N, C-alpha and C. Protein backbone atom coordinates (compact mmCIF):
# COMPACT_ATOMS: atom_id res chain seq x y z
N MET A 1 -70.83 14.56 96.08
CA MET A 1 -70.20 13.37 96.62
C MET A 1 -70.86 12.63 96.87
N ASN A 2 -70.90 11.21 96.56
CA ASN A 2 -71.75 9.97 97.13
C ASN A 2 -70.64 9.72 98.24
N GLU A 3 -71.19 9.47 99.08
CA GLU A 3 -70.55 8.74 100.44
C GLU A 3 -70.93 7.23 100.87
N VAL A 4 -70.00 6.20 100.69
CA VAL A 4 -70.82 5.18 100.88
C VAL A 4 -70.26 4.62 102.20
N LEU A 5 -72.01 4.43 102.47
CA LEU A 5 -72.37 4.14 104.18
C LEU A 5 -72.57 2.68 104.69
N PRO A 6 -71.82 2.41 105.74
CA PRO A 6 -71.63 0.54 106.22
C PRO A 6 -73.49 0.36 106.36
N SER A 7 -73.37 -1.06 105.88
CA SER A 7 -74.88 -1.54 105.94
C SER A 7 -75.11 -1.62 107.62
N CYS A 8 -76.50 -1.57 107.93
CA CYS A 8 -76.96 -2.20 109.24
C CYS A 8 -76.42 -3.14 109.79
N PRO A 9 -75.69 -2.52 111.59
CA PRO A 9 -75.20 -3.98 111.99
C PRO A 9 -76.56 -4.86 112.57
N LYS A 10 -77.68 -4.50 112.76
CA LYS A 10 -78.61 -5.52 113.30
C LYS A 10 -79.48 -6.13 112.31
N CYS A 11 -80.12 -5.62 111.26
CA CYS A 11 -80.15 -5.51 110.33
C CYS A 11 -79.94 -6.47 108.82
N ALA A 12 -78.72 -5.65 108.92
CA ALA A 12 -78.00 -5.84 107.89
C ALA A 12 -78.61 -5.21 106.35
N SER A 13 -79.36 -4.09 106.50
CA SER A 13 -79.67 -3.92 105.25
C SER A 13 -78.92 -2.79 105.29
N GLU A 14 -78.67 -2.28 103.50
CA GLU A 14 -77.83 -1.34 102.64
C GLU A 14 -78.66 0.13 102.71
N PHE A 15 -79.30 0.37 102.86
CA PHE A 15 -80.14 1.18 102.51
C PHE A 15 -79.99 2.15 103.95
N THR A 16 -78.88 2.55 104.58
CA THR A 16 -78.50 3.48 105.74
C THR A 16 -78.43 4.86 105.07
N TYR A 17 -78.57 5.99 105.96
CA TYR A 17 -78.39 7.39 106.12
C TYR A 17 -78.03 8.26 106.79
N ARG A 18 -77.15 9.09 106.64
CA ARG A 18 -76.66 9.83 107.47
C ARG A 18 -77.17 11.13 108.19
N ASP A 19 -77.81 11.28 109.50
CA ASP A 19 -78.04 12.29 110.04
C ASP A 19 -77.05 12.93 110.69
N GLN A 20 -76.48 14.29 110.72
CA GLN A 20 -75.29 14.41 111.34
C GLN A 20 -74.21 13.31 111.72
N THR A 21 -73.70 12.91 112.77
CA THR A 21 -72.99 12.12 113.14
C THR A 21 -73.49 11.12 113.04
N MET A 22 -74.57 10.81 113.40
CA MET A 22 -75.06 9.39 113.40
C MET A 22 -75.44 8.66 111.72
N ILE A 23 -75.55 7.23 111.86
CA ILE A 23 -75.87 6.75 110.60
C ILE A 23 -77.17 5.77 111.39
N ILE A 24 -78.61 5.85 110.44
CA ILE A 24 -79.93 5.26 110.86
C ILE A 24 -79.91 4.72 109.72
N CYS A 25 -81.00 3.40 110.22
CA CYS A 25 -81.21 2.44 109.19
C CYS A 25 -82.57 2.37 109.20
N PRO A 26 -83.06 3.15 107.92
CA PRO A 26 -84.68 2.91 107.41
C PRO A 26 -85.83 1.98 107.98
N GLU A 27 -85.01 0.78 107.84
CA GLU A 27 -85.62 -0.63 107.75
C GLU A 27 -86.47 -1.16 109.43
N CYS A 28 -84.74 -1.42 110.16
CA CYS A 28 -85.26 -1.47 111.77
C CYS A 28 -84.87 -0.46 112.99
N ALA A 29 -84.72 1.11 112.22
CA ALA A 29 -84.58 2.00 113.45
C ALA A 29 -83.27 1.97 113.96
N HIS A 30 -82.72 1.35 114.09
CA HIS A 30 -81.19 1.31 114.46
C HIS A 30 -80.90 2.51 114.17
N GLU A 31 -80.02 3.15 115.22
CA GLU A 31 -79.53 4.48 114.97
C GLU A 31 -77.67 4.28 115.60
N TRP A 32 -76.77 4.22 115.51
CA TRP A 32 -75.53 4.39 115.54
C TRP A 32 -74.62 5.47 115.10
N ASP A 33 -73.42 5.77 115.77
CA ASP A 33 -72.56 6.17 115.77
C ASP A 33 -70.67 5.60 115.09
N PRO A 34 -70.72 5.82 113.76
CA PRO A 34 -69.50 4.90 113.75
C PRO A 34 -68.31 5.22 114.16
N SER A 35 -68.19 6.93 114.32
CA SER A 35 -66.84 6.90 115.29
C SER A 35 -66.23 6.24 116.33
N VAL A 36 -67.93 5.81 117.20
CA VAL A 36 -67.54 5.64 118.53
C VAL A 36 -68.28 3.68 118.59
N ALA A 37 -67.06 3.00 118.84
CA ALA A 37 -67.33 0.91 118.63
C ALA A 37 -67.98 0.73 119.76
N GLU A 38 -69.12 0.15 119.16
CA GLU A 38 -70.20 -0.54 120.28
C GLU A 38 -69.55 -1.72 121.29
N GLU A 39 -70.02 -1.59 122.11
CA GLU A 39 -69.16 -2.84 122.70
C GLU A 39 -69.78 -4.11 122.86
N GLU A 40 -71.08 -3.90 122.56
CA GLU A 40 -72.18 -5.47 122.27
C GLU A 40 -70.76 -6.41 121.30
N ASP A 41 -70.26 -5.17 120.04
CA ASP A 41 -69.58 -6.18 119.34
C ASP A 41 -68.00 -6.34 119.59
N GLN A 42 -67.19 -6.13 120.47
CA GLN A 42 -66.26 -6.04 121.07
C GLN A 42 -66.71 -7.33 122.11
N LEU A 43 -67.67 -7.61 122.60
CA LEU A 43 -67.88 -8.08 123.60
C LEU A 43 -67.72 -9.87 122.92
N SER A 44 -66.98 -10.89 123.36
CA SER A 44 -67.30 -12.11 122.45
C SER A 44 -66.73 -12.98 123.44
N ILE A 45 -67.99 -13.86 123.29
CA ILE A 45 -68.30 -15.08 124.90
C ILE A 45 -68.47 -15.96 124.22
N ARG A 46 -68.39 -17.07 124.66
CA ARG A 46 -68.05 -18.89 124.26
C ARG A 46 -68.15 -19.49 124.56
N ASP A 47 -69.19 -20.71 124.43
CA ASP A 47 -69.82 -21.76 125.30
C ASP A 47 -68.97 -22.68 125.55
N SER A 48 -69.31 -23.65 126.48
CA SER A 48 -68.41 -24.73 126.62
C SER A 48 -67.36 -25.82 125.56
N ASN A 49 -67.86 -25.54 124.34
CA ASN A 49 -67.62 -25.88 123.22
C ASN A 49 -66.79 -25.33 122.58
N GLY A 50 -66.67 -24.11 123.02
CA GLY A 50 -66.05 -22.89 122.05
C GLY A 50 -66.51 -22.13 121.18
N ASN A 51 -68.21 -22.41 120.85
CA ASN A 51 -69.10 -21.82 119.85
C ASN A 51 -69.41 -20.22 120.43
N SER A 52 -69.40 -19.10 119.96
CA SER A 52 -69.93 -18.14 119.88
C SER A 52 -71.67 -17.99 120.31
N LEU A 53 -71.22 -17.44 121.22
CA LEU A 53 -72.95 -16.65 122.11
C LEU A 53 -73.56 -15.65 121.87
N LEU A 54 -74.36 -15.54 121.31
CA LEU A 54 -74.97 -14.04 120.96
C LEU A 54 -76.81 -13.73 121.78
N GLU A 55 -76.79 -12.29 122.06
CA GLU A 55 -78.22 -11.85 122.24
C GLU A 55 -79.27 -13.47 122.09
N GLY A 56 -80.19 -13.89 122.26
CA GLY A 56 -81.25 -14.85 121.50
C GLY A 56 -80.77 -16.03 121.41
N ASP A 57 -79.29 -16.64 121.21
CA ASP A 57 -79.60 -17.85 121.61
C ASP A 57 -79.95 -18.40 122.15
N LYS A 58 -80.32 -20.02 121.75
CA LYS A 58 -80.78 -21.24 122.85
C LYS A 58 -79.89 -21.89 122.93
N ILE A 59 -79.65 -21.93 124.79
CA ILE A 59 -78.75 -22.82 125.48
C ILE A 59 -78.72 -23.91 126.47
N THR A 60 -78.00 -24.62 126.21
CA THR A 60 -78.45 -25.72 127.75
C THR A 60 -77.08 -25.82 128.43
N LEU A 61 -77.82 -26.25 129.72
CA LEU A 61 -76.66 -26.58 130.91
C LEU A 61 -76.11 -27.71 130.43
N ILE A 62 -75.14 -27.79 131.22
CA ILE A 62 -73.87 -29.28 130.92
C ILE A 62 -73.68 -29.31 132.56
N LYS A 63 -74.26 -28.81 133.09
CA LYS A 63 -73.60 -29.49 134.65
C LYS A 63 -74.83 -28.78 135.69
N ASP A 64 -75.16 -29.82 136.73
CA ASP A 64 -76.19 -29.41 137.85
C ASP A 64 -75.41 -28.10 138.27
N LEU A 65 -76.76 -27.12 138.48
CA LEU A 65 -76.12 -26.21 139.09
C LEU A 65 -77.17 -25.60 140.13
N LYS A 66 -76.14 -25.22 141.42
CA LYS A 66 -77.00 -24.54 142.45
C LYS A 66 -77.43 -24.02 142.49
N VAL A 67 -78.34 -22.52 143.14
CA VAL A 67 -79.21 -21.89 142.75
C VAL A 67 -78.32 -20.66 143.91
N LYS A 68 -77.87 -20.10 143.96
CA LYS A 68 -77.89 -19.31 145.61
C LYS A 68 -78.76 -18.85 146.18
N GLY A 69 -78.60 -19.46 147.37
CA GLY A 69 -79.73 -18.79 148.59
C GLY A 69 -80.76 -19.39 148.47
N SER A 70 -80.51 -20.80 147.58
CA SER A 70 -82.36 -21.28 147.25
C SER A 70 -81.50 -22.69 147.51
N SER A 71 -82.78 -23.32 147.60
CA SER A 71 -82.26 -25.41 148.03
C SER A 71 -82.53 -25.35 146.34
N THR A 72 -82.72 -24.96 145.20
CA THR A 72 -82.98 -25.30 144.18
C THR A 72 -81.94 -25.37 143.25
N VAL A 73 -82.18 -26.62 142.39
CA VAL A 73 -81.03 -27.12 141.86
C VAL A 73 -81.45 -27.38 139.92
N LEU A 74 -80.53 -26.54 139.27
CA LEU A 74 -80.50 -26.68 138.21
C LEU A 74 -79.79 -27.65 137.18
N LYS A 75 -80.54 -28.64 136.73
CA LYS A 75 -80.67 -30.00 136.20
C LYS A 75 -79.31 -29.65 134.60
N VAL A 76 -78.98 -30.99 134.53
CA VAL A 76 -78.08 -30.78 132.57
C VAL A 76 -79.03 -30.83 132.41
N GLY A 77 -79.20 -30.46 130.91
CA GLY A 77 -80.31 -30.24 129.91
C GLY A 77 -81.15 -29.22 130.05
N THR A 78 -81.36 -28.59 131.69
CA THR A 78 -82.32 -27.30 131.10
C THR A 78 -81.54 -26.40 130.65
N LYS A 79 -83.24 -25.97 129.35
CA LYS A 79 -83.02 -25.05 128.43
C LYS A 79 -82.91 -23.33 128.83
N ALA A 80 -82.42 -22.98 128.45
CA ALA A 80 -82.54 -21.12 128.63
C ALA A 80 -82.66 -20.40 127.17
N VAL A 81 -83.12 -19.05 127.71
CA VAL A 81 -82.51 -18.09 126.05
C VAL A 81 -81.23 -17.09 126.67
N ILE A 82 -80.54 -16.44 126.07
CA ILE A 82 -79.63 -15.52 126.16
C ILE A 82 -80.84 -14.30 126.22
N LYS A 83 -80.45 -13.22 127.40
CA LYS A 83 -81.16 -11.75 126.94
C LYS A 83 -80.05 -11.34 126.61
N ARG A 84 -79.00 -11.09 127.20
CA ARG A 84 -78.21 -10.05 127.06
C ARG A 84 -76.75 -10.63 127.53
N LEU A 85 -75.67 -10.51 126.54
CA LEU A 85 -74.15 -10.55 127.36
C LEU A 85 -73.64 -9.89 128.17
N VAL A 86 -73.10 -10.04 129.10
CA VAL A 86 -72.47 -9.14 130.02
C VAL A 86 -70.87 -9.62 130.77
N ASP A 87 -70.10 -8.12 130.57
CA ASP A 87 -68.77 -8.18 130.93
C ASP A 87 -68.89 -8.55 132.53
N GLY A 88 -68.44 -9.83 132.93
CA GLY A 88 -68.47 -10.16 134.32
C GLY A 88 -67.99 -11.65 134.48
N ASP A 89 -67.97 -11.88 135.90
CA ASP A 89 -67.62 -13.21 136.20
C ASP A 89 -68.92 -14.20 135.34
N HIS A 90 -70.12 -13.88 135.99
CA HIS A 90 -71.31 -14.49 135.35
C HIS A 90 -71.34 -13.71 134.27
N ASP A 91 -71.13 -14.08 133.07
CA ASP A 91 -71.56 -13.15 131.58
C ASP A 91 -72.77 -13.23 130.84
N LEU A 92 -73.55 -14.15 131.27
CA LEU A 92 -75.12 -14.53 130.66
C LEU A 92 -76.00 -13.89 131.75
N ASP A 93 -76.63 -13.54 130.88
CA ASP A 93 -78.24 -13.01 131.18
C ASP A 93 -79.14 -14.03 131.06
N CYS A 94 -80.03 -14.37 131.40
CA CYS A 94 -80.70 -15.51 130.84
C CYS A 94 -82.30 -15.37 131.38
N LYS A 95 -83.26 -16.33 130.32
CA LYS A 95 -84.06 -16.78 130.97
C LYS A 95 -84.38 -18.21 130.87
N VAL A 96 -84.03 -18.61 132.20
CA VAL A 96 -84.18 -20.24 132.32
C VAL A 96 -84.97 -20.93 132.71
N ASP A 97 -85.83 -21.97 131.80
CA ASP A 97 -86.52 -22.44 131.99
C ASP A 97 -87.20 -23.01 133.14
N GLY A 98 -88.29 -22.72 133.55
CA GLY A 98 -88.74 -23.12 135.11
C GLY A 98 -88.43 -22.34 136.01
N ALA A 99 -87.23 -21.23 136.11
CA ALA A 99 -86.62 -20.97 137.21
C ALA A 99 -86.31 -19.56 136.97
N GLY A 100 -87.10 -18.48 135.75
CA GLY A 100 -86.63 -17.23 135.48
C GLY A 100 -85.52 -16.52 135.05
N ASN A 101 -85.18 -15.61 135.40
CA ASN A 101 -84.49 -14.82 135.06
C ASN A 101 -83.19 -14.77 135.83
N MET A 102 -82.23 -15.15 135.49
CA MET A 102 -80.92 -15.65 136.34
C MET A 102 -79.42 -14.98 136.01
N MET A 103 -78.34 -15.01 136.11
CA MET A 103 -76.98 -14.99 135.51
C MET A 103 -76.28 -16.41 135.43
N LEU A 104 -76.05 -16.66 134.23
CA LEU A 104 -74.82 -17.89 134.61
C LEU A 104 -73.79 -17.50 133.63
N LYS A 105 -72.55 -18.05 134.08
CA LYS A 105 -71.44 -18.44 133.63
C LYS A 105 -71.39 -19.37 132.58
N SER A 106 -70.87 -18.66 131.16
CA SER A 106 -70.95 -19.07 129.53
C SER A 106 -70.28 -20.61 130.13
N GLU A 107 -69.29 -20.91 131.06
CA GLU A 107 -68.11 -22.12 130.85
C GLU A 107 -69.54 -23.73 131.25
N PHE A 108 -70.57 -23.02 131.44
CA PHE A 108 -71.37 -24.63 132.27
C PHE A 108 -72.57 -24.34 131.33
N VAL A 109 -72.67 -24.04 130.09
CA VAL A 109 -73.44 -24.23 128.77
C VAL A 109 -73.03 -24.54 127.74
N LYS A 110 -73.97 -25.07 126.73
CA LYS A 110 -73.62 -25.32 125.16
C LYS A 110 -74.48 -25.05 124.46
N LYS A 111 -74.51 -24.37 123.38
CA LYS A 111 -75.72 -23.86 122.52
C LYS A 111 -76.69 -25.21 121.73
N ALA A 112 -77.60 -24.68 122.07
CA ALA A 112 -78.36 -25.84 121.76
C ALA A 112 -78.63 -25.58 120.12
C-alpha cells in the first residue's frame, strides 16, 4: 500500500515521510501532525489595504504612532519586518527599523 502524503507546508517539498503519527520533511526538517491543524495556518491577518500578511513580510507604517510609555513617535513610512503573527489586539510582532522589537496593529501598516 502506497500512502499519498501531503507536501511540506514550510518548503513545499514532495519528499515527505511518516514516522508514527508525525510527517517529516527531510529537506527542511519540519515535522507536523496532519490530524492537528496548525494555528499559524488558521490565523489570517490583513494589512490596511486587504493584503494577507505572513511571517517575514516587510511592512511600512501608514500613520504616525506614539510609542506607549515613551516620548518616541514612529513616523509614516517607517519600515519593519514581521517576526510572527499573534492572535489579539496588537496582532503583529515586528522588528521596527530604529526602534527595535514591538507589537503593532495590522490596521496601521501596509505590505512593502
